[in-house]
């Protein structure tokens, strides 16, 4: 069998990275006899997007639930800015600057954008009443930086487009100084124009210095947005590669076959098509 040629990566030209803002080391999660996450290590740097991909049941969602506080691991450690931390629930995660934007967005459809941005963390005035004006002003200021085209501050979010709703969910996540974002299928069920809008939002967040774990089944999203790509297969990390150093076919082979790019033969690659 013939090994497929590898693209040049020019590793020596890559500038040295700063210390990661997130390092998950040897994370393990089992459900009964099933090893959903089996000794996984992964990291994320400031201003970086790491695409986390894999087939259904590969373990990527469970791994991110550990970071978001929705799942307590059986073993392993999490370090935030070099310090070991304990995350038992979503409140712990938020205390360490970790926010999650789920595919469902979890918005209150009957409320407007400012009410959603401050949901559960409302601003209260001197008389103990909600300070709607302050919440709207803060939301407008945030949206001016994040998505200047957003104008529907008074409308219930149920009436907004998918891209606008995603903007509200992102604004809610970063309003309280999030440093790390977990984004679960951010462009799922969106049309081309809205997908482009959400991709631009993610680029803006990256430019602002946030670190983003991007969970996606859309290989085009992953290649368009990620700096590095981590592939999971049957609860383990197949490998983490620089996006510029691999092809989409090589990443698909990692997802389907569970093999690193230099382990895949041309015959195996041809069989995927």
Protein backbone atom coordinates (compact mmCIF):
# COMPACT_ATOMS: atom_id res chain seq x y z
CA UNK A 1 0.00 0.00 0.00
CA UNK A 2 1.16 3.52 -0.75
CA UNK A 3 1.25 6.14 1.97
CA UNK A 4 -0.27 9.42 0.87
CA UNK A 5 2.17 12.34 0.64
CA UNK A 6 2.01 14.85 3.49
CA UNK A 7 1.86 18.64 3.06
CA UNK A 8 4.84 20.58 4.31
CA UNK A 9 4.16 22.01 7.76
CA UNK A 10 7.31 24.17 8.19
CA UNK A 11 7.19 23.64 11.95
CA UNK A 12 10.30 25.72 12.52
CA UNK A 13 8.57 28.82 11.15
CA UNK A 14 5.74 28.65 13.69
CA UNK A 15 6.18 31.29 16.41
CA UNK A 16 6.42 29.94 19.95
CA UNK A 17 3.11 29.72 21.77
CA UNK A 18 2.35 31.32 25.08
CA UNK A 19 1.24 29.13 27.95
CA UNK A 20 -2.26 27.71 27.38
CA UNK A 21 -5.23 29.32 29.05
CA UNK A 22 -6.79 25.82 29.31
CA UNK A 23 -5.01 22.52 29.73
CA UNK A 24 -7.06 19.36 30.25
CA UNK A 25 -4.77 16.48 31.17
CA UNK A 26 -5.54 12.74 31.13
CA UNK A 27 -9.30 13.25 31.47
CA UNK A 28 -11.32 10.06 31.96
CA UNK A 29 -15.10 9.61 32.06
CA UNK A 30 -16.85 6.23 32.13
CA UNK A 31 -20.52 5.35 32.05
CA UNK A 32 -20.78 1.82 33.34
CA UNK A 33 -18.26 -0.15 31.31
CA UNK A 34 -18.11 2.40 28.49
CA UNK A 35 -15.06 4.68 28.41
CA UNK A 36 -16.65 7.81 26.95
CA UNK A 37 -13.44 9.80 27.45
CA UNK A 38 -10.31 7.70 27.85
CA UNK A 39 -7.21 9.58 28.96
CA UNK A 40 -7.67 12.68 26.82
CA UNK A 41 -5.35 15.68 26.97
CA UNK A 42 -6.09 18.89 25.08
CA UNK A 43 -5.20 22.57 25.43
CA UNK A 44 -6.25 25.99 24.20
CA UNK A 45 -4.41 29.29 23.90
CA UNK A 46 -5.53 32.91 24.06
CA UNK A 47 -6.90 34.14 20.74
CA UNK A 48 -7.06 30.62 19.33
CA UNK A 49 -9.84 28.47 17.90
CA UNK A 50 -9.44 24.72 18.39
CA UNK A 51 -11.86 22.67 16.33
CA UNK A 52 -12.99 19.55 18.20
CA UNK A 53 -14.36 16.97 15.79
CA UNK A 54 -15.28 13.30 15.70
CA UNK A 55 -18.12 10.97 14.82
CA UNK A 56 -21.22 10.47 16.96
CA UNK A 57 -20.19 8.95 20.26
CA UNK A 58 -16.53 9.91 19.83
CA UNK A 59 -16.55 11.67 23.23
CA UNK A 60 -16.14 15.30 22.22
CA UNK A 61 -19.35 16.52 23.87
CA UNK A 62 -18.60 14.62 27.07
CA UNK A 63 -15.09 16.11 27.15
CA UNK A 64 -16.46 19.63 26.83
CA UNK A 65 -19.12 18.91 29.48
CA UNK A 66 -16.23 18.27 31.87
CA UNK A 67 -14.81 21.72 31.13
CA UNK A 68 -18.22 23.39 31.34
CA UNK A 69 -19.05 21.76 34.68
CA UNK A 70 -21.91 19.63 33.35
CA UNK A 71 -19.96 16.39 33.91
CA UNK A 72 -17.55 15.56 36.73
CA UNK A 73 -14.63 13.45 35.42
CA UNK A 74 -13.54 10.18 37.04
CA UNK A 75 -9.92 11.37 36.95
CA UNK A 76 -7.56 13.87 35.34
CA UNK A 77 -6.86 17.54 35.92
CA UNK A 78 -7.85 20.90 34.49
CA UNK A 79 -5.54 23.91 34.57
CA UNK A 80 -6.69 27.46 33.84
CA UNK A 81 -3.83 29.88 33.18
CA UNK A 82 -1.47 27.34 34.68
CA UNK A 83 -3.38 26.89 37.93
CA UNK A 84 -5.06 23.59 38.75
CA UNK A 85 -8.78 24.11 39.29
CA UNK A 86 -11.76 22.04 40.37
CA UNK A 87 -14.93 22.33 38.29
CA UNK A 88 -17.93 20.56 39.76
CA UNK A 89 -20.74 22.53 38.14
CA UNK A 90 -21.41 25.33 35.62
CA UNK A 91 -21.08 27.95 38.37
CA UNK A 92 -17.50 26.81 39.00
CA UNK A 93 -16.81 27.02 35.26
CA UNK A 94 -18.14 30.58 35.02
CA UNK A 95 -16.02 31.59 38.00
CA UNK A 96 -12.99 30.59 35.90
CA UNK A 97 -14.17 32.52 32.84
CA UNK A 98 -15.63 29.53 30.98
CA UNK A 99 -18.93 29.94 29.12
CA UNK A 100 -20.79 27.50 26.88
CA UNK A 101 -23.00 28.33 23.91
CA UNK A 102 -25.09 25.27 23.21
CA UNK A 103 -26.61 24.39 19.87
CA UNK A 104 -30.08 25.09 21.31
CA UNK A 105 -28.80 28.55 22.49
CA UNK A 106 -31.03 28.28 25.63
CA UNK A 107 -32.58 31.71 25.08
CA UNK A 108 -35.82 32.92 26.68
CA UNK A 109 -37.83 33.43 23.50
CA UNK A 110 -40.40 35.78 25.07
CA UNK A 111 -37.73 38.23 26.29
CA UNK A 112 -35.78 40.85 24.35
CA UNK A 113 -32.02 40.86 23.77
CA UNK A 114 -30.96 42.85 26.89
CA UNK A 115 -33.15 40.68 29.12
CA UNK A 116 -31.52 37.56 27.68
CA UNK A 117 -27.99 38.94 27.98
CA UNK A 118 -28.54 39.62 31.70
CA UNK A 119 -30.81 36.64 32.39
CA UNK A 120 -30.10 35.40 35.91
CA UNK A 121 -27.63 38.24 36.49
CA UNK A 122 -29.95 41.22 36.15
CA UNK A 123 -28.88 44.74 37.06
CA UNK A 124 -30.90 46.23 39.91
CA UNK A 125 -31.41 49.95 40.60
CA UNK A 126 -31.33 51.79 43.91
CA UNK A 127 -34.98 50.98 44.69
CA UNK A 128 -34.49 47.26 44.14
CA UNK A 129 -36.19 47.26 40.74
CA UNK A 130 -34.69 46.02 37.49
CA UNK A 131 -32.56 48.65 35.79
CA UNK A 132 -33.79 48.04 32.24
CA UNK A 133 -32.12 51.16 30.87
CA UNK A 134 -28.69 50.14 32.17
CA UNK A 135 -29.07 46.59 30.80
CA UNK A 136 -30.11 47.90 27.39
CA UNK A 137 -27.25 50.42 27.33
CA UNK A 138 -24.69 47.73 28.21
CA UNK A 139 -26.13 45.38 25.59
CA UNK A 140 -26.03 48.08 22.91
CA UNK A 141 -22.42 48.87 23.77
CA UNK A 142 -21.48 45.19 23.57
CA UNK A 143 -23.32 44.64 20.29
CA UNK A 144 -21.69 47.71 18.76
CA UNK A 145 -18.36 45.92 19.13
CA UNK A 146 -19.59 42.40 18.48
CA UNK A 147 -22.19 42.83 15.73
CA UNK A 148 -22.84 46.47 14.71
CA UNK A 149 -25.63 45.39 12.35
CA UNK A 150 -27.77 44.21 15.26
CA UNK A 151 -30.61 46.68 15.84
CA UNK A 152 -33.53 44.68 17.29
CA UNK A 153 -33.02 45.44 20.96
CA UNK A 154 -36.72 45.71 21.82
CA UNK A 155 -38.01 42.65 19.96
CA UNK A 156 -38.57 39.27 21.60
CA UNK A 157 -35.72 37.00 20.51
CA UNK A 158 -38.28 34.52 19.14
CA UNK A 159 -38.77 36.95 16.25
CA UNK A 160 -35.05 37.21 15.41
CA UNK A 161 -33.18 35.35 12.69
CA UNK A 162 -30.90 32.46 13.56
CA UNK A 163 -27.80 34.57 13.15
CA UNK A 164 -29.20 37.35 15.35
CA UNK A 165 -30.17 34.82 18.03
CA UNK A 166 -26.63 33.46 17.94
CA UNK A 167 -25.38 37.04 18.44
CA UNK A 168 -27.52 37.35 21.58
CA UNK A 169 -26.24 34.03 22.94
CA UNK A 170 -22.63 35.08 22.31
CA UNK A 171 -23.22 38.49 23.89
CA UNK A 172 -24.66 36.83 26.99
CA UNK A 173 -21.60 34.57 27.23
CA UNK A 174 -19.01 37.33 26.99
CA UNK A 175 -20.82 40.08 28.93
CA UNK A 176 -19.38 38.73 32.18
CA UNK A 177 -15.72 38.59 31.14
CA UNK A 178 -15.58 35.11 29.66
CA UNK A 179 -12.06 34.11 28.69
CA UNK A 180 -12.90 30.70 27.26
CA UNK A 181 -15.86 29.81 25.06
CA UNK A 182 -17.20 26.39 24.20
CA UNK A 183 -19.32 26.64 21.04
CA UNK A 184 -21.46 23.63 20.15
CA UNK A 185 -22.46 23.51 16.47
CA UNK A 186 -22.79 27.32 16.17
CA UNK A 187 -23.93 27.29 12.52
CA UNK A 188 -26.26 24.28 12.65
CA UNK A 189 -29.50 24.88 10.72
CA UNK A 190 -28.42 28.34 9.55
CA UNK A 191 -28.57 29.53 5.94
CA UNK A 192 -25.45 30.67 4.04
CA UNK A 193 -25.80 34.37 4.95
CA UNK A 194 -26.38 33.65 8.64
CA UNK A 195 -23.53 31.14 8.69
CA UNK A 196 -21.23 33.80 7.29
CA UNK A 197 -22.42 36.21 9.98
CA UNK A 198 -21.71 33.74 12.80
CA UNK A 199 -18.29 32.94 11.37
CA UNK A 200 -17.49 36.65 11.43
CA UNK A 201 -18.63 36.81 15.05
CA UNK A 202 -16.23 34.00 15.93
CA UNK A 203 -13.36 35.77 14.16
CA UNK A 204 -14.17 38.91 16.16
CA UNK A 205 -14.08 36.96 19.43
CA UNK A 206 -10.74 35.45 18.44
CA UNK A 207 -9.37 38.91 17.61
CA UNK A 208 -10.51 40.06 21.05
CA UNK A 209 -8.28 37.38 22.58
CA UNK A 210 -10.83 34.79 23.62
CA UNK A 211 -9.96 31.10 23.36
CA UNK A 212 -12.64 29.01 21.65
CA UNK A 213 -13.33 25.29 21.55
CA UNK A 214 -15.46 24.78 18.43
CA UNK A 215 -17.48 21.55 18.30
CA UNK A 216 -18.76 21.02 14.79
CA UNK A 217 -19.76 18.36 12.30
CA UNK A 218 -19.29 20.92 9.50
CA UNK A 219 -15.76 20.35 8.20
CA UNK A 220 -15.98 23.65 6.31
CA UNK A 221 -16.62 25.55 9.55
CA UNK A 222 -13.69 23.77 11.15
CA UNK A 223 -11.28 24.58 8.33
CA UNK A 224 -12.53 28.13 7.93
CA UNK A 225 -12.24 29.06 11.61
CA UNK A 226 -9.79 26.79 13.43
CA UNK A 227 -6.11 27.27 14.10
CA UNK A 228 -5.73 23.69 15.27
CA UNK A 229 -7.99 20.65 14.94
CA UNK A 230 -8.30 17.93 17.58
CA UNK A 231 -9.92 14.70 16.42
CA UNK A 232 -11.58 12.23 18.80
CA UNK A 233 -12.34 8.60 18.00
CA UNK A 234 -13.89 6.11 20.42
CA UNK A 235 -13.17 8.24 23.45
CA UNK A 236 -9.54 9.00 22.63
CA UNK A 237 -7.67 11.80 20.88
CA UNK A 238 -6.39 10.58 17.52
CA UNK A 239 -4.26 13.68 17.23
CA UNK A 240 -4.17 17.46 17.23
CA UNK A 241 -2.97 19.02 13.99
CA UNK A 242 -2.31 22.49 12.67
CA UNK A 243 -5.16 23.29 10.31
CA UNK A 244 -2.78 24.77 7.74
CA UNK A 245 -0.79 21.52 7.64
CA UNK A 246 -3.56 19.08 6.72
CA UNK A 247 -6.22 18.54 4.07
CA UNK A 248 -9.92 17.98 4.68
CA UNK A 249 -9.53 14.39 3.45
CA UNK A 250 -6.82 13.74 6.04
CA UNK A 251 -9.02 15.07 8.83
CA UNK A 252 -11.93 12.96 7.58
CA UNK A 253 -9.66 9.93 7.67
CA UNK A 254 -8.77 10.76 11.28
CA UNK A 255 -12.48 11.00 12.13
CA UNK A 256 -13.58 7.82 10.34
CA UNK A 257 -10.52 5.56 10.60
CA UNK A 258 -9.01 6.86 13.82
CA UNK A 259 -5.59 7.19 12.18
CA UNK A 260 -3.13 10.08 12.07
CA UNK A 261 -2.42 11.60 8.62
CA UNK A 262 0.94 9.86 8.24
CA UNK A 263 -0.67 6.49 9.02
CA UNK A 264 -3.34 6.63 6.28
CA UNK A 265 -2.67 4.97 2.93
CA UNK A 266 -3.89 6.22 -0.43
CA UNK A 267 -6.07 3.11 -0.72
CA UNK A 268 -7.76 3.82 2.61
CA UNK A 269 -8.28 7.44 1.63
CA UNK A 270 -9.82 6.44 -1.72
CA UNK A 271 -12.21 4.08 0.08
CA UNK A 272 -13.66 7.01 2.01
CA UNK A 273 -15.12 8.56 -1.14
